[in-house]
Amino acid sequence: MSSEKEQVIGSAGNVQFELLKNSLTKSFQEHFTSYPEGLVRGKPGGFVCSQEYARHADELLHFQPRGDDVWIVTFPKCGTTWTQELVWMVMNGCDKEAGKQPLNIRSPFLEFPYLASTKMQGNSPQMTKMISVEMVEKMASPRVIKSHLPLYLLHPNLLDTSKVVYVVRNPKDVIVSFFYHHKLIKIHQFNGTLDEFAQYFMDDEVFYSPFFPHALEAWALRSHPNMLFLFYEDMKRDLKGEIERVAHFLGKTLSEQQMTALVEHLGFENFAKNESVNFEVGKDLGFMNTEGRFIRKGETGDWKNHFSAELNERVDKWIEKNLEGTDLKFVTELK
C-alpha cells in the first residue's frame, strides 16, 4: 500500500503527479515558507509544480487551441513578458492605446489560476481571480496565450493547430532572475541564499523544473512550421531583427514607422516603466512583496555579479552534463 507521500494528486494523460517528498522536509519548508502542502513531481518527465496545478493538469492538457491562436511558451524568467508584449503588438497593429490594458488581460497566463492553493495564497486570493481558464476559453480570436508548461503538458495538437513562439535564455541568468522572482512573489517566498536556490534549481526542485528537458523538447521541434524558437540573448543583441522574424512568422507586415515605435516601446527602460506590463499592481493587490521588481534588470551576464567561482563551476558542470549529446548552445555573456 502506498504511503500518503506517494499518493497520486492528479494526472495529465499518462503523467501522474505525486508529492515531491523533499518538499516536505524541514529545511525545504524553512526555505520555501509558502508551500505548506509541498510540491508535486510528474512521472514520467519530472515536472514540478503545486498540488493545485496537479488537480487541474488534465483540464489544462485538454484546453483546446484554435487555428488563429498564438502561444508564447517558455520556462519562467526567459523573457516571457517581453515576448508577450512583442507578439501582442505585432498581432494588433502596434495599437498602443489598446495596449494600455494590462498585459495579463490581453494575453492571459493559462495555468495561473492553478499555481497556488488557498493555503499558498494566504492573504492574496485576488491573484486567482484575475483571469480564469473559462475566460480564456471564451476570449475573442485571435488569442495570444502564455504558458510556462512544457509542451508535453499542453494539448497534443497544439503545434499542429496554433503558432507557438518559444523563448529560452541562458540558464545562469535564469537562475538569478528566478531567485529574485521567488523573493518577490509571495506564493513562493524563498528565504535562502542564491547559492541554496541554485542547488534547488539544479536538483529540479523548484516550480516548472526541470529546465533542460523543457528547452530541449522545443528545440527538437524548432523546424516545425508552426514553431518559432527564439533566444533571449538574440533579442537583446538585435531587437529589430527579432521583431522582423516574429512578424514574418505571424504573417504580419510592419511599416517603418511602426517598427521604429515598437523597438522604442520594447526598449528596457520604457518597458520597465510601462504599467501595463511591469506588474507593479501586484504589490497593491498583495501577492508581491514591496521590495524588488518583476521587470528587474534584463541583462545578459548578470550572473557574474552573483555567482561565486565555486558556484559557477558547479553550474558549468551541470550545464555540460545536461547538454551532452545535444546541439543546443547558450550565450552567457554579450560583448
Protein backbone atom coordinates (compact mmCIF):
# COMPACT_ATOMS: atom_id res chain seq x y z
CA MET A 1 0.00 0.00 0.00
CA SER A 2 1.36 3.44 -0.96
CA SER A 3 2.19 5.84 1.81
CA GLU A 4 0.46 9.21 1.89
CA LYS A 5 3.63 10.83 0.49
CA GLU A 6 3.37 8.65 -2.63
CA GLN A 7 -0.29 9.26 -3.32
CA VAL A 8 -1.28 10.47 -6.78
CA ILE A 9 -2.54 14.06 -6.52
CA GLY A 10 -3.61 14.36 -10.15
CA SER A 11 -2.73 13.35 -13.69
CA ALA A 12 -2.49 14.66 -17.24
CA GLY A 13 -2.66 11.96 -19.89
CA ASN A 14 -0.04 9.37 -18.92
CA VAL A 15 1.68 11.71 -16.44
CA GLN A 16 0.86 11.16 -12.78
CA PHE A 17 1.70 13.75 -10.13
CA GLU A 18 2.90 12.59 -6.73
CA LEU A 19 4.12 14.53 -3.73
CA LEU A 20 7.75 15.62 -4.00
CA LYS A 21 8.95 14.15 -0.71
CA ASN A 22 11.84 16.55 -0.26
CA SER A 23 9.43 19.50 -0.38
CA LEU A 24 8.01 18.40 2.96
CA THR A 25 11.35 18.32 4.77
CA LYS A 26 12.12 20.84 7.50
CA SER A 27 14.91 22.57 5.55
CA PHE A 28 12.82 22.90 2.37
CA GLN A 29 9.84 24.25 4.31
CA GLU A 30 12.09 26.78 6.06
CA HIS A 31 13.41 27.96 2.70
CA PHE A 32 10.05 27.98 0.89
CA THR A 33 7.66 29.14 3.58
CA SER A 34 4.62 29.36 1.29
CA TYR A 35 4.47 25.67 0.35
CA PRO A 36 2.81 24.12 3.44
CA GLU A 37 1.41 21.16 1.50
CA GLY A 38 4.59 20.65 -0.50
CA LEU A 39 5.08 20.39 -4.26
CA VAL A 40 4.37 17.62 -6.74
CA ARG A 41 6.53 15.89 -9.35
CA GLY A 42 5.16 14.29 -12.51
CA LYS A 43 6.12 10.83 -13.67
CA PRO A 44 7.34 10.48 -16.36
CA GLY A 45 9.04 13.79 -17.14
CA GLY A 46 9.80 15.02 -13.62
CA PHE A 47 7.76 18.23 -13.94
CA VAL A 48 7.45 20.11 -10.63
CA CYS A 49 4.57 22.36 -9.63
CA SER A 50 1.90 22.89 -6.98
CA GLN A 51 -0.71 20.40 -5.84
CA GLU A 52 -3.38 22.74 -7.15
CA TYR A 53 -1.85 22.54 -10.64
CA ALA A 54 -1.79 18.73 -10.38
CA ARG A 55 -5.50 18.68 -9.61
CA HIS A 56 -6.19 20.63 -12.83
CA ALA A 57 -3.38 19.28 -15.02
CA ASP A 58 -5.69 17.17 -17.18
CA GLU A 59 -8.01 20.12 -17.76
CA LEU A 60 -5.05 22.19 -18.95
CA LEU A 61 -3.76 19.35 -21.13
CA HIS A 62 -7.12 19.31 -22.91
CA PHE A 63 -7.51 23.10 -23.18
CA GLN A 64 -8.50 23.46 -26.86
CA PRO A 65 -6.20 25.56 -29.05
CA ARG A 66 -7.56 27.45 -32.06
CA GLY A 67 -6.11 27.78 -35.53
CA ASP A 68 -5.52 31.51 -35.15
CA ASP A 69 -4.05 31.36 -31.62
CA VAL A 70 -0.51 32.44 -30.93
CA TRP A 71 1.04 30.81 -27.86
CA ILE A 72 4.13 32.08 -26.05
CA VAL A 73 5.67 29.09 -24.28
CA THR A 74 8.73 29.49 -22.07
CA PHE A 75 10.45 28.33 -18.93
CA PRO A 76 9.95 31.17 -16.39
CA LYS A 77 12.24 34.21 -16.50
CA CYS A 78 13.35 33.67 -20.10
CA GLY A 79 11.90 36.90 -21.49
CA THR A 80 8.29 35.78 -21.46
CA THR A 81 6.67 39.15 -20.69
CA TRP A 82 8.89 40.94 -23.20
CA THR A 83 7.97 38.43 -25.91
CA GLN A 84 4.27 38.52 -24.99
CA GLU A 85 4.17 42.27 -25.47
CA LEU A 86 6.13 41.99 -28.72
CA VAL A 87 3.78 39.32 -30.12
CA TRP A 88 0.61 41.09 -28.95
CA MET A 89 1.74 44.36 -30.54
CA VAL A 90 2.60 42.68 -33.85
CA MET A 91 -0.74 40.84 -33.85
CA ASN A 92 -2.66 44.02 -33.06
CA GLY A 93 -1.12 46.55 -35.42
CA CYS A 94 1.10 48.08 -32.70
CA ASP A 95 -2.00 49.63 -31.11
CA LYS A 96 -0.50 51.39 -28.08
CA GLU A 97 -3.86 52.69 -26.92
CA ALA A 98 -5.36 49.17 -26.71
CA GLY A 99 -2.03 48.09 -25.25
CA LYS A 100 -2.65 50.19 -22.14
CA GLN A 101 -4.92 47.41 -20.87
CA PRO A 102 -2.95 45.10 -18.51
CA LEU A 103 -0.96 42.50 -20.41
CA ASN A 104 -2.36 39.63 -18.33
CA ILE A 105 -5.82 40.55 -19.65
CA ARG A 106 -4.71 40.98 -23.28
CA SER A 107 -2.50 37.89 -23.19
CA PRO A 108 -3.62 35.59 -20.36
CA PHE A 109 -1.35 33.21 -18.44
CA LEU A 110 -3.17 29.90 -18.93
CA GLU A 111 -2.29 27.95 -15.78
CA PHE A 112 -2.03 30.99 -13.49
CA PRO A 113 -5.29 30.32 -11.57
CA TYR A 114 -3.98 26.87 -10.58
CA LEU A 115 -0.49 27.74 -9.38
CA ALA A 116 -1.43 28.29 -5.75
CA SER A 117 -3.78 26.54 -3.37
CA THR A 118 -5.84 28.61 -0.94
CA LYS A 119 -3.24 27.80 1.73
CA MET A 120 -0.42 29.02 -0.50
CA GLN A 121 -2.27 32.22 -1.38
CA GLY A 122 -2.56 33.22 2.25
CA ASN A 123 -3.89 36.76 2.22
CA SER A 124 -3.68 37.08 -1.56
CA PRO A 125 -6.73 35.30 -3.02
CA GLN A 126 -7.05 38.12 -5.58
CA MET A 127 -4.35 36.53 -7.68
CA THR A 128 -6.52 33.69 -8.93
CA LYS A 129 -9.44 35.97 -9.69
CA MET A 130 -7.53 37.98 -12.27
CA ILE A 131 -8.40 35.69 -15.16
CA SER A 132 -9.85 32.16 -15.27
CA VAL A 133 -9.38 29.32 -17.72
CA GLU A 134 -13.06 29.69 -18.62
CA MET A 135 -12.45 33.33 -19.55
CA VAL A 136 -9.55 32.31 -21.80
CA GLU A 137 -11.83 29.76 -23.49
CA LYS A 138 -14.35 32.50 -24.27
CA MET A 139 -11.86 35.13 -25.46
CA ALA A 140 -12.36 36.54 -28.94
CA SER A 141 -9.91 35.42 -31.60
CA PRO A 142 -7.10 35.79 -32.26
CA ARG A 143 -5.88 34.94 -28.77
CA VAL A 144 -2.31 35.45 -27.57
CA ILE A 145 -1.83 32.94 -24.74
CA LYS A 146 1.12 32.49 -22.38
CA SER A 147 2.14 29.27 -20.65
CA HIS A 148 5.22 28.09 -18.78
CA LEU A 149 4.15 24.45 -19.09
CA PRO A 150 6.39 22.16 -21.14
CA LEU A 151 4.88 21.29 -24.50
CA TYR A 152 4.05 17.72 -23.48
CA LEU A 153 1.68 19.04 -20.80
CA LEU A 154 -0.20 21.21 -23.28
CA HIS A 155 -2.76 19.97 -25.83
CA PRO A 156 -1.20 17.24 -28.02
CA ASN A 157 -2.44 19.05 -31.16
CA LEU A 158 -1.17 22.48 -30.08
CA LEU A 159 1.70 22.74 -32.55
CA ASP A 160 -0.34 21.37 -35.45
CA THR A 161 -3.15 23.81 -34.65
CA SER A 162 -1.65 27.08 -33.41
CA LYS A 163 1.50 29.11 -33.84
CA VAL A 164 3.94 28.74 -30.94
CA VAL A 165 6.70 31.20 -30.07
CA TYR A 166 9.18 29.51 -27.71
CA VAL A 167 11.77 31.63 -25.93
CA VAL A 168 14.75 30.39 -23.94
CA ARG A 169 17.51 32.18 -22.01
CA ASN A 170 20.88 31.02 -20.77
CA PRO A 171 20.37 29.06 -17.54
CA LYS A 172 22.85 31.10 -15.48
CA ASP A 173 20.80 34.27 -15.84
CA VAL A 174 17.58 32.26 -15.42
CA ILE A 175 18.78 31.03 -12.02
CA VAL A 176 19.50 34.59 -10.84
CA SER A 177 16.25 36.00 -12.21
CA PHE A 178 14.15 33.12 -10.83
CA PHE A 179 15.83 33.56 -7.43
CA TYR A 180 14.69 37.20 -7.26
CA HIS A 181 11.27 36.15 -8.55
CA HIS A 182 10.95 33.72 -5.64
CA LYS A 183 11.86 36.55 -3.27
CA LEU A 184 9.27 38.86 -4.83
CA ILE A 185 6.21 36.62 -5.31
CA LYS A 186 4.54 35.67 -2.05
CA ILE A 187 3.32 32.25 -3.16
CA HIS A 188 7.00 31.23 -3.43
CA GLN A 189 8.56 33.29 -0.63
CA PHE A 190 12.10 31.88 -0.77
CA ASN A 191 14.17 32.80 2.28
CA GLY A 192 17.52 31.21 1.46
CA THR A 193 20.64 32.37 -0.36
CA LEU A 194 21.25 32.43 -4.10
CA ASP A 195 23.67 29.52 -3.69
CA GLU A 196 20.97 27.46 -1.96
CA PHE A 197 18.39 28.39 -4.58
CA ALA A 198 20.76 27.45 -7.40
CA GLN A 199 21.15 23.99 -5.87
CA TYR A 200 17.36 23.53 -5.66
CA PHE A 201 17.20 24.65 -9.31
CA MET A 202 19.86 22.15 -10.39
CA ASP A 203 18.19 19.43 -8.32
CA ASP A 204 14.92 20.09 -10.19
CA GLU A 205 13.03 21.06 -7.05
CA VAL A 206 11.56 24.44 -8.00
CA PHE A 207 8.37 25.34 -9.87
CA TYR A 208 8.46 24.34 -13.56
CA SER A 209 11.62 22.24 -13.22
CA PRO A 210 13.41 20.63 -14.93
CA PHE A 211 14.90 23.40 -17.09
CA PHE A 212 16.77 21.47 -19.78
CA PRO A 213 14.05 18.99 -20.83
CA HIS A 214 11.66 21.98 -21.15
CA ALA A 215 14.02 23.69 -23.60
CA LEU A 216 15.22 20.59 -25.42
CA GLU A 217 11.68 19.40 -26.18
CA ALA A 218 11.00 22.67 -28.00
CA TRP A 219 14.48 22.75 -29.58
CA ALA A 220 13.77 19.34 -31.16
CA LEU A 221 10.62 20.82 -32.73
CA ARG A 222 12.20 24.08 -33.93
CA SER A 223 11.81 23.12 -37.62
CA HIS A 224 8.04 22.65 -37.31
CA PRO A 225 6.35 25.31 -39.50
CA ASN A 226 4.23 26.47 -36.54
CA MET A 227 7.22 26.83 -34.17
CA LEU A 228 9.43 29.90 -33.82
CA PHE A 229 12.33 29.24 -31.44
CA LEU A 230 13.92 32.41 -30.03
CA PHE A 231 16.88 33.08 -27.77
CA TYR A 232 16.57 35.91 -25.26
CA GLU A 233 20.16 36.88 -25.98
CA ASP A 234 19.36 37.38 -29.68
CA MET A 235 16.54 39.73 -28.70
CA LYS A 236 18.98 41.68 -26.52
CA ARG A 237 21.55 41.81 -29.32
CA ASP A 238 19.24 42.67 -32.23
CA LEU A 239 15.71 43.52 -31.12
CA LYS A 240 14.68 44.91 -34.51
CA GLY A 241 15.88 41.78 -36.30
CA GLU A 242 13.99 39.50 -33.91
CA ILE A 243 10.81 41.62 -34.24
CA GLU A 244 11.12 41.15 -38.00
CA ARG A 245 11.43 37.37 -37.52
CA VAL A 246 8.33 37.31 -35.30
CA ALA A 247 6.32 39.44 -37.75
CA HIS A 248 7.29 37.20 -40.67
CA PHE A 249 6.39 34.09 -38.67
CA LEU A 250 2.98 35.59 -37.82
CA GLY A 251 2.35 36.73 -41.40
CA LYS A 252 2.32 40.41 -40.41
CA THR A 253 3.99 43.41 -42.03
CA LEU A 254 5.07 46.43 -40.01
CA SER A 255 5.63 49.84 -41.54
CA GLU A 256 8.96 51.54 -40.90
CA GLN A 257 7.17 53.89 -38.51
CA GLN A 258 5.55 51.01 -36.62
CA MET A 259 8.88 49.18 -36.39
CA THR A 260 10.71 52.22 -35.02
CA ALA A 261 7.95 52.84 -32.47
CA LEU A 262 7.86 49.18 -31.41
CA VAL A 263 11.64 48.98 -30.91
CA GLU A 264 11.37 52.05 -28.69
CA HIS A 265 8.32 50.66 -26.87
CA LEU A 266 10.16 47.40 -26.09
CA GLY A 267 13.42 49.09 -25.05
CA PHE A 268 14.22 48.07 -21.46
CA GLU A 269 13.89 51.49 -19.83
CA ASN A 270 10.48 52.11 -21.41
CA PHE A 271 9.36 48.54 -20.81
CA ALA A 272 10.25 48.60 -17.11
CA LYS A 273 8.21 51.80 -16.64
CA ASN A 274 5.19 50.54 -18.62
CA GLU A 275 2.43 49.92 -16.05
CA SER A 276 0.55 47.56 -18.35
CA VAL A 277 3.44 45.07 -18.32
CA ASN A 278 5.57 45.66 -15.20
CA PHE A 279 3.03 44.12 -12.76
CA GLU A 280 3.74 46.73 -10.08
CA VAL A 281 0.00 46.50 -9.39
CA GLY A 282 0.76 43.10 -7.84
CA LYS A 283 2.14 44.94 -4.82
CA ASP A 284 -1.18 46.76 -4.36
CA LEU A 285 -3.10 43.51 -4.77
CA GLY A 286 -0.99 41.88 -2.08
CA PHE A 287 0.63 38.98 -3.93
CA MET A 288 4.03 40.62 -4.39
CA ASN A 289 6.41 41.87 -1.73
CA THR A 290 7.19 45.58 -1.80
CA GLU A 291 10.92 45.07 -2.31
CA GLY A 292 12.08 44.13 -5.78
CA ARG A 293 10.61 44.45 -9.27
CA PHE A 294 9.02 41.96 -11.67
CA ILE A 295 10.89 43.59 -14.56
CA ARG A 296 14.29 43.64 -12.83
CA LYS A 297 17.45 44.16 -14.93
CA GLY A 298 17.02 42.24 -18.16
CA GLU A 299 20.78 41.93 -18.50
CA THR A 300 22.73 39.12 -20.09
CA GLY A 301 25.66 38.14 -17.88
CA ASP A 302 24.20 39.47 -14.62
CA TRP A 303 25.01 36.05 -13.12
CA LYS A 304 28.64 37.24 -12.91
CA ASN A 305 27.54 39.71 -10.22
CA HIS A 306 26.04 36.89 -8.14
CA PHE A 307 27.91 33.61 -8.67
CA SER A 308 30.95 32.69 -6.62
CA ALA A 309 33.74 30.90 -8.50
CA GLU A 310 32.71 27.65 -6.79
CA LEU A 311 29.03 28.03 -7.72
CA ASN A 312 29.93 28.94 -11.29
CA GLU A 313 31.99 25.76 -11.56
CA ARG A 314 29.08 23.67 -10.26
CA VAL A 315 26.65 25.32 -12.68
CA ASP A 316 29.06 24.85 -15.61
CA LYS A 317 29.32 21.11 -14.87
CA TRP A 318 25.53 20.87 -14.59
CA ILE A 319 25.06 22.63 -17.94
CA GLU A 320 27.70 20.48 -19.64
CA LYS A 321 26.15 17.27 -18.33
CA ASN A 322 22.64 18.24 -19.46
CA LEU A 323 23.66 19.43 -22.93
CA GLU A 324 25.91 16.46 -23.66
CA GLY A 325 24.94 14.88 -26.96
CA THR A 326 22.74 17.85 -27.99
CA ASP A 327 23.42 20.76 -30.34
CA LEU A 328 21.71 23.36 -28.13
CA LYS A 329 24.15 26.06 -27.06
CA PHE A 330 23.71 29.08 -24.81
CA VAL A 331 25.33 32.51 -24.85
CA THR A 332 26.06 33.56 -21.25
CA GLU A 333 27.66 36.94 -21.98
CA LEU A 334 27.15 39.63 -24.63
CA LYS A 335 30.23 41.59 -25.68
